[in-house]
Amino acid sequence: MTRDFFDATPEEQQVVLIDAETLHKAEKLIESCEHCNPDGAEIPFDVILDRVTRSDPSSARCPSCLCEILEEKTLIEA
């Protein structure tokens, strides 16, 4: 299954801006990302944001390797 499988069409997407505090709440739930843990990262970042705020992601950093998480579909381990 490719990552494109999860991509919604533009009509299905809802863009919501979030503040830095909300982003940091979501970031605290990340243990690692697909960059530093390719076998363990299975949860798309937007799922974590949905848990926190029902928002789409902006930008976050993996606390393990500090790699920037730019896409809501970046795989992470929580």
Protein backbone atom coordinates (compact mmCIF):
# COMPACT_ATOMS: atom_id res chain seq x y z
CA MET A 1 0.00 0.00 0.00
CA THR A 2 1.46 3.36 -0.95
CA ARG A 3 1.21 6.54 1.08
CA ASP A 4 -0.87 8.02 -1.77
CA PHE A 5 -3.65 5.68 -0.70
CA PHE A 6 -4.31 7.94 2.31
CA ASP A 7 -4.30 11.25 0.41
CA ALA A 8 -7.70 12.92 0.32
CA THR A 9 -8.87 14.82 -2.73
CA PRO A 10 -8.90 18.63 -2.45
CA GLU A 11 -12.67 18.50 -2.05
CA GLU A 12 -12.31 16.16 0.94
CA GLN A 13 -9.62 18.25 2.66
CA GLN A 14 -10.33 20.76 5.39
CA VAL A 15 -7.54 23.23 6.20
CA VAL A 16 -7.47 24.53 9.77
CA LEU A 17 -4.73 26.75 11.18
CA ILE A 18 -3.39 25.87 14.62
CA ASP A 19 -1.32 27.86 17.07
CA ALA A 20 2.10 26.95 18.42
CA GLU A 21 0.70 25.76 21.77
CA THR A 22 -1.57 23.24 20.05
CA LEU A 23 1.27 22.04 17.85
CA HIS A 24 3.45 21.51 20.92
CA LYS A 25 0.70 19.47 22.62
CA ALA A 26 0.62 17.14 19.61
CA GLU A 27 4.41 17.09 19.41
CA LYS A 28 4.62 15.80 23.00
CA LEU A 29 2.76 12.65 21.89
CA ILE A 30 5.47 11.76 19.34
CA GLU A 31 8.07 9.21 20.35
CA SER A 32 9.86 9.01 16.98
CA CYS A 33 9.25 9.59 13.27
CA GLU A 34 9.67 7.61 10.05
CA HIS A 35 13.06 9.28 9.50
CA CYS A 36 14.69 7.86 12.65
CA ASN A 37 12.42 4.83 13.18
CA PRO A 38 11.28 3.51 9.78
CA ASP A 39 10.06 0.18 11.19
CA GLY A 40 8.18 1.51 14.23
CA ALA A 41 6.53 4.66 12.88
CA GLU A 42 3.07 3.68 11.67
CA ILE A 43 0.68 6.46 12.74
CA PRO A 44 0.15 9.46 10.41
CA PHE A 45 0.77 12.74 12.23
CA ASP A 46 -2.72 14.01 11.39
CA VAL A 47 -4.18 11.27 13.58
CA ILE A 48 -2.27 12.70 16.55
CA LEU A 49 -3.47 16.21 15.70
CA ASP A 50 -7.02 14.91 15.52
CA ARG A 51 -6.62 13.53 19.04
CA VAL A 52 -5.49 16.91 20.31
CA THR A 53 -7.55 19.43 18.34
CA ARG A 54 -9.34 17.99 15.30
CA SER A 55 -6.94 20.06 13.18
CA ASP A 56 -4.64 19.45 10.24
CA PRO A 57 -0.90 19.74 10.91
CA SER A 58 1.45 22.63 10.30
CA SER A 59 5.02 21.73 11.16
CA ALA A 60 6.53 19.81 14.07
CA ARG A 61 9.83 18.21 14.99
CA CYS A 62 10.55 14.67 16.06
CA PRO A 63 11.90 14.78 19.64
CA SER A 64 14.16 11.81 18.92
CA CYS A 65 16.10 13.07 15.88
CA LEU A 66 14.75 16.67 15.52
CA CYS A 67 13.78 15.98 11.90
CA GLU A 68 11.05 18.38 10.78
CA ILE A 69 7.66 16.76 10.25
CA LEU A 70 6.16 18.73 7.40
CA GLU A 71 3.34 16.53 6.19
CA GLU A 72 0.29 15.34 8.05
CA LYS A 73 0.91 11.86 6.66
CA THR A 74 4.47 11.60 8.02
CA LEU A 75 4.56 8.31 9.91
CA ILE A 76 5.41 8.47 13.62
CA GLU A 77 5.45 6.18 16.64
CA ALA A 78 3.31 7.36 19.56
